[in-house]
Amino acid sequence: MSMPSADHGSAFPPLNLKFKHTSNQSVTTCYAVHAIADPGLLPRLIGVFAKRGLTPSRWFSVLVGPTDQEIQVDMQIAGLSPATAQAIAEEMRKIVMVSVVMMSDKIST
């Protein structure tokens, strides 16, 4: 199975869904990254957070594909502004080995 191309000019524009939440709810931003499995990928991904003084609250990675040549990395971090969350996703999309970055918000009470 071949990986999607790293062409970041996707035919699908990012969704800009706005949900109202109250002050007693916390928002956790969730990222799912699919990339070529390369030893330099994980430090590059965590570096996107580290240079902002941030540490993800959850981080999970697993090799995937028929020969484990691809990697899926799921990360979560709470308390980001929408602009910062989007900037982090955009920066991860610029990493050469990354083919897909998906982002969503999880609202908890």
Foldseek 3Di string as FASTA:
>chain_A
DDDADLPPPDPDDDDDDDDDDDPVKWKKKKKKWKFFDDPPLVVQLQVLQVVVVHDFPDWDKDQDDPVSRMMIIMTMHIDDDPVSSVVSQVSSSPPNGTRDMDMDMDMDD
